[in-house]
Amino acid sequence: MASSKTFVLVHGAWHGGWGWVRVVDRLRARGHLVFAPTNTGLGERAHLLTPQVNASLHIADIVNLINHEDLTDIILVGHSYGGCVISGVIEQVPDKIRALVFVDAFIPDNGQSVLDMVQPAVADVIRAAQTRGETTVPVRDAAAFNVNVKDRAWVDRLANPQPIGTMTEKLKLTGARNRVPCIYVRAAGYPNVAFDAALARARREGWRTYEVPGGHDIMINEPERLTEILLGVT
């Protein structure tokens, strides 16, 4: 068997580490070290939600995991909003990251927030929540992400409102992301101008790119194909 790799899988908005279970199982079955943490205020950590939860806290969640588990040579994977998190993580632990994989994810620039990158309809929802003084953004139905029909009830049951600070905080980035190989995986069955733009950018910048059939939650809809892509990261 090829040498073992280390993967850290970062979930997107409204999700938790639970969303990665099918990919985690496949990678571990092949002998790799895999972590799929849940960020503060979501999933089984929903009870830790406070108005102060923001992207910086989620970045700290992952950095602390990396440091406390003494991980190195990491293939760091981010789904959707998780692209913002992994872009922040590599700023803090650049020497521990082997490669970044953006799975239907945002590719933020310095000074950008999720609010700056989402489609207008989603931006309107975030701004409306801000105006009402709410601390979270309501859950989006699994159907909106074109999740497999058989999995929608499961995803809807486990999804949580997203801390609003994670979508409005502007990230401080210096370009650490450019020091490692980057890969982009686009969900071909999920029309979205923000992720189309991210894919186009990845191609312009010479990243390796893939298009996978199905909806936005590639790790749920197409876990075998995503596992193959991750195993191909060098």
Protein backbone atom coordinates (compact mmCIF):
# COMPACT_ATOMS: atom_id res chain seq x y z
CA MET A 1 0.00 0.00 0.00
CA ALA A 2 1.16 3.54 -0.69
CA SER A 3 2.35 5.58 2.27
CA SER A 4 -0.30 6.96 4.60
CA LYS A 5 -1.51 10.52 4.07
CA THR A 6 -3.06 12.96 6.54
CA PHE A 7 -6.35 14.63 5.69
CA VAL A 8 -8.28 17.34 7.54
CA LEU A 9 -11.77 17.79 6.10
CA VAL A 10 -13.54 21.08 6.83
CA HIS A 11 -17.30 21.31 6.41
CA GLY A 12 -19.32 24.14 4.94
CA ALA A 13 -22.17 26.30 6.20
CA TRP A 14 -25.07 24.67 8.07
CA HIS A 15 -23.17 21.36 8.15
CA GLY A 16 -20.88 19.57 10.58
CA GLY A 17 -18.24 16.89 10.49
CA TRP A 18 -21.09 14.40 10.02
CA GLY A 19 -21.32 15.39 6.35
CA TRP A 20 -17.92 13.88 5.62
CA VAL A 21 -18.63 10.43 7.09
CA ARG A 22 -18.69 8.57 3.76
CA VAL A 23 -15.37 10.04 2.65
CA VAL A 24 -13.82 9.55 6.10
CA ASP A 25 -14.77 5.86 6.06
CA ARG A 26 -13.29 5.35 2.61
CA LEU A 27 -10.02 7.13 3.37
CA ARG A 28 -9.54 5.33 6.69
CA ALA A 29 -10.28 2.00 5.05
CA ARG A 30 -7.30 2.70 2.81
CA GLY A 31 -5.06 3.33 5.82
CA HIS A 32 -4.99 7.12 5.94
CA LEU A 33 -5.18 9.44 8.95
CA VAL A 34 -8.37 11.52 8.71
CA PHE A 35 -9.98 14.23 10.83
CA ALA A 36 -13.38 15.78 10.10
CA PRO A 37 -14.00 18.20 12.97
CA THR A 38 -17.20 20.16 13.56
CA ASN A 39 -16.72 23.89 13.96
CA THR A 40 -18.00 25.82 16.96
CA GLY A 41 -21.75 26.43 17.04
CA LEU A 42 -22.70 23.70 14.56
CA GLY A 43 -23.56 20.02 14.58
CA GLU A 44 -22.87 18.34 17.90
CA ARG A 45 -21.28 21.64 19.01
CA ALA A 46 -24.42 23.71 18.39
CA HIS A 47 -24.73 24.29 22.14
CA LEU A 48 -21.57 26.44 21.94
CA LEU A 49 -23.18 29.01 19.64
CA THR A 50 -22.76 32.62 20.77
CA PRO A 51 -23.04 35.94 18.90
CA GLN A 52 -19.23 36.04 18.85
CA VAL A 53 -18.80 32.97 16.62
CA ASN A 54 -17.17 34.08 13.38
CA ALA A 55 -14.80 32.87 10.68
CA SER A 56 -11.75 33.61 12.83
CA LEU A 57 -13.07 31.26 15.52
CA HIS A 58 -13.64 28.51 12.96
CA ILE A 59 -10.13 29.02 11.63
CA ALA A 60 -8.88 28.69 15.23
CA ASP A 61 -10.89 25.47 15.61
CA ILE A 62 -8.90 23.88 12.79
CA VAL A 63 -5.53 25.39 13.74
CA ASN A 64 -5.94 24.11 17.30
CA LEU A 65 -6.82 20.64 16.02
CA ILE A 66 -3.70 20.61 13.85
CA ASN A 67 -1.46 21.79 16.67
CA HIS A 68 -2.89 19.56 19.40
CA GLU A 69 -2.82 16.45 17.20
CA ASP A 70 0.70 17.42 16.07
CA LEU A 71 -0.27 17.04 12.41
CA THR A 72 2.06 17.82 9.51
CA ASP A 73 2.09 17.35 5.74
CA ILE A 74 -1.68 17.84 5.71
CA ILE A 75 -4.01 17.69 2.75
CA LEU A 76 -6.47 20.34 3.93
CA VAL A 77 -9.91 20.11 2.33
CA GLY A 78 -12.69 22.69 2.51
CA HIS A 79 -16.27 22.38 1.29
CA SER A 80 -18.21 25.52 0.32
CA TYR A 81 -17.74 28.07 3.18
CA GLY A 82 -14.91 25.77 4.28
CA GLY A 83 -12.85 27.30 1.48
CA CYS A 84 -12.71 30.48 3.57
CA VAL A 85 -11.68 28.52 6.64
CA ILE A 86 -8.84 26.63 4.96
CA SER A 87 -7.61 29.85 3.36
CA GLY A 88 -7.30 31.28 6.86
CA VAL A 89 -5.76 28.16 8.36
CA ILE A 90 -2.82 28.10 5.97
CA GLU A 91 -2.03 31.67 6.96
CA GLN A 92 -1.36 30.47 10.50
CA VAL A 93 0.29 27.08 9.94
CA PRO A 94 1.76 27.29 6.41
CA ASP A 95 4.56 24.81 7.08
CA LYS A 96 2.08 22.09 8.08
CA ILE A 97 0.01 22.12 4.89
CA ARG A 98 0.90 19.92 1.93
CA ALA A 99 -1.98 20.92 -0.37
CA LEU A 100 -5.38 22.62 -0.35
CA VAL A 101 -8.50 21.13 -1.90
CA PHE A 102 -11.52 23.37 -2.49
CA VAL A 103 -14.69 21.29 -2.87
CA ASP A 104 -17.35 23.46 -4.54
CA ALA A 105 -15.92 26.15 -2.32
CA PHE A 106 -15.30 29.87 -2.13
CA ILE A 107 -11.80 31.15 -2.92
CA PRO A 108 -11.62 34.38 -0.91
CA ASP A 109 -9.26 37.28 -1.40
CA ASN A 110 -7.90 39.46 1.37
CA GLY A 111 -10.68 41.61 2.82
CA GLN A 112 -13.52 39.48 1.46
CA SER A 113 -16.33 37.82 3.40
CA VAL A 114 -18.78 35.13 2.35
CA LEU A 115 -21.34 37.91 2.00
CA ASP A 116 -19.15 39.47 -0.69
CA MET A 117 -19.06 36.25 -2.73
CA VAL A 118 -22.48 34.58 -2.49
CA GLN A 119 -25.22 34.86 -5.05
CA PRO A 120 -27.50 37.90 -4.63
CA ALA A 121 -30.46 35.88 -3.31
CA VAL A 122 -28.33 34.39 -0.53
CA ALA A 123 -26.78 37.77 0.23
CA ASP A 124 -30.28 39.16 0.69
CA VAL A 125 -31.05 36.45 3.26
CA ILE A 126 -27.86 37.24 5.19
CA ARG A 127 -28.52 40.99 5.16
CA ALA A 128 -32.12 40.45 6.28
CA ALA A 129 -30.89 38.41 9.24
CA GLN A 130 -28.43 41.19 10.07
CA THR A 131 -31.19 43.80 9.93
CA ARG A 132 -33.31 41.76 12.33
CA GLY A 133 -30.37 41.52 14.73
CA GLU A 134 -30.21 37.74 14.45
CA THR A 135 -27.09 35.77 15.29
CA THR A 136 -27.61 33.03 12.70
CA VAL A 137 -28.61 32.56 9.08
CA PRO A 138 -31.53 30.12 8.61
CA VAL A 139 -30.82 26.63 7.34
CA ARG A 140 -31.18 26.02 3.62
CA ASP A 141 -33.05 22.86 2.66
CA ALA A 142 -31.01 19.97 1.30
CA ALA A 143 -33.09 20.12 -1.87
CA ALA A 144 -31.68 23.59 -2.56
CA PHE A 145 -28.22 22.02 -2.76
CA ASN A 146 -29.46 19.20 -4.99
CA VAL A 147 -28.57 16.59 -2.39
CA ASN A 148 -29.53 13.04 -3.40
CA VAL A 149 -33.25 12.57 -2.77
CA LYS A 150 -32.62 9.58 -0.49
CA ASP A 151 -30.28 11.66 1.71
CA ARG A 152 -32.29 14.86 2.03
CA ALA A 153 -34.18 13.96 5.20
CA TRP A 154 -30.90 13.00 6.91
CA VAL A 155 -29.18 16.26 5.90
CA ASP A 156 -32.19 18.38 6.86
CA ARG A 157 -32.34 16.69 10.28
CA LEU A 158 -28.70 17.36 11.11
CA ALA A 159 -28.24 20.82 9.60
CA ASN A 160 -28.05 23.82 11.93
CA PRO A 161 -28.45 27.58 11.45
CA GLN A 162 -25.12 29.15 10.48
CA PRO A 163 -23.51 31.72 12.80
CA ILE A 164 -23.90 35.02 10.98
CA GLY A 165 -20.42 36.24 11.90
CA THR A 166 -18.91 33.49 9.77
CA MET A 167 -20.56 35.03 6.72
CA THR A 168 -19.92 38.70 7.43
CA GLU A 169 -16.36 38.74 8.78
CA LYS A 170 -13.82 39.96 6.24
CA LEU A 171 -10.78 37.69 6.10
CA LYS A 172 -7.20 38.82 6.53
CA LEU A 173 -5.11 36.93 3.97
CA THR A 174 -1.55 37.48 2.77
CA GLY A 175 -1.37 34.90 -0.02
CA ALA A 176 -0.10 31.89 1.95
CA ARG A 177 -2.48 29.79 -0.15
CA ASN A 178 -0.25 30.42 -3.18
CA ARG A 179 2.67 28.54 -1.65
CA VAL A 180 1.13 25.06 -1.97
CA PRO A 181 -0.61 23.06 -4.70
CA CYS A 182 -4.32 23.84 -4.89
CA ILE A 183 -7.10 21.70 -6.37
CA TYR A 184 -10.67 22.70 -7.19
CA VAL A 185 -13.61 20.28 -7.42
CA ARG A 186 -16.82 21.65 -8.92
CA ALA A 187 -20.29 20.10 -8.58
CA ALA A 188 -21.55 20.04 -12.16
CA GLY A 189 -25.16 19.51 -11.08
CA TYR A 190 -25.37 22.61 -8.88
CA PRO A 191 -25.82 25.85 -10.84
CA ASN A 192 -24.15 28.64 -8.90
CA VAL A 193 -22.39 31.69 -10.33
CA ALA A 194 -20.10 32.05 -7.30
CA PHE A 195 -18.67 28.56 -7.67
CA ASP A 196 -18.55 28.88 -11.46
CA ALA A 197 -16.40 31.97 -10.91
CA ALA A 198 -14.23 30.08 -8.43
CA LEU A 199 -13.69 27.26 -10.92
CA ALA A 200 -12.78 29.75 -13.65
CA ARG A 201 -10.32 31.42 -11.32
CA ALA A 202 -8.76 28.08 -10.38
CA ARG A 203 -8.23 27.29 -14.06
CA ARG A 204 -6.69 30.71 -14.73
CA GLU A 205 -4.28 30.21 -11.87
CA GLY A 206 -3.23 26.78 -13.13
CA TRP A 207 -4.81 24.66 -10.40
CA ARG A 208 -5.77 21.07 -11.09
CA THR A 209 -9.56 21.07 -11.50
CA TYR A 210 -12.31 18.48 -11.64
CA GLU A 211 -16.02 18.50 -12.37
CA VAL A 212 -18.13 15.88 -10.59
CA PRO A 213 -21.77 15.06 -11.45
CA GLY A 214 -24.46 15.88 -8.93
CA GLY A 215 -25.23 18.50 -6.33
CA HIS A 216 -23.27 20.80 -4.05
CA ASP A 217 -22.66 18.27 -1.25
CA ILE A 218 -20.19 16.25 -3.28
CA MET A 219 -18.98 14.38 -0.19
CA ILE A 220 -22.53 13.05 0.26
CA ASN A 221 -23.61 12.62 -3.35
CA GLU A 222 -20.35 11.31 -4.81
CA PRO A 223 -18.11 10.10 -1.96
CA GLU A 224 -16.31 7.48 -4.02
CA ARG A 225 -15.32 9.92 -6.76
CA LEU A 226 -14.27 12.56 -4.23
CA THR A 227 -12.19 9.98 -2.36
CA GLU A 228 -10.43 9.08 -5.61
CA ILE A 229 -9.62 12.74 -6.22
CA LEU A 230 -8.27 13.21 -2.70
CA LEU A 231 -6.12 10.10 -2.97
CA GLY A 232 -4.63 11.55 -6.14
CA VAL A 233 -3.32 14.65 -4.36
CA THR A 234 0.48 14.58 -4.29
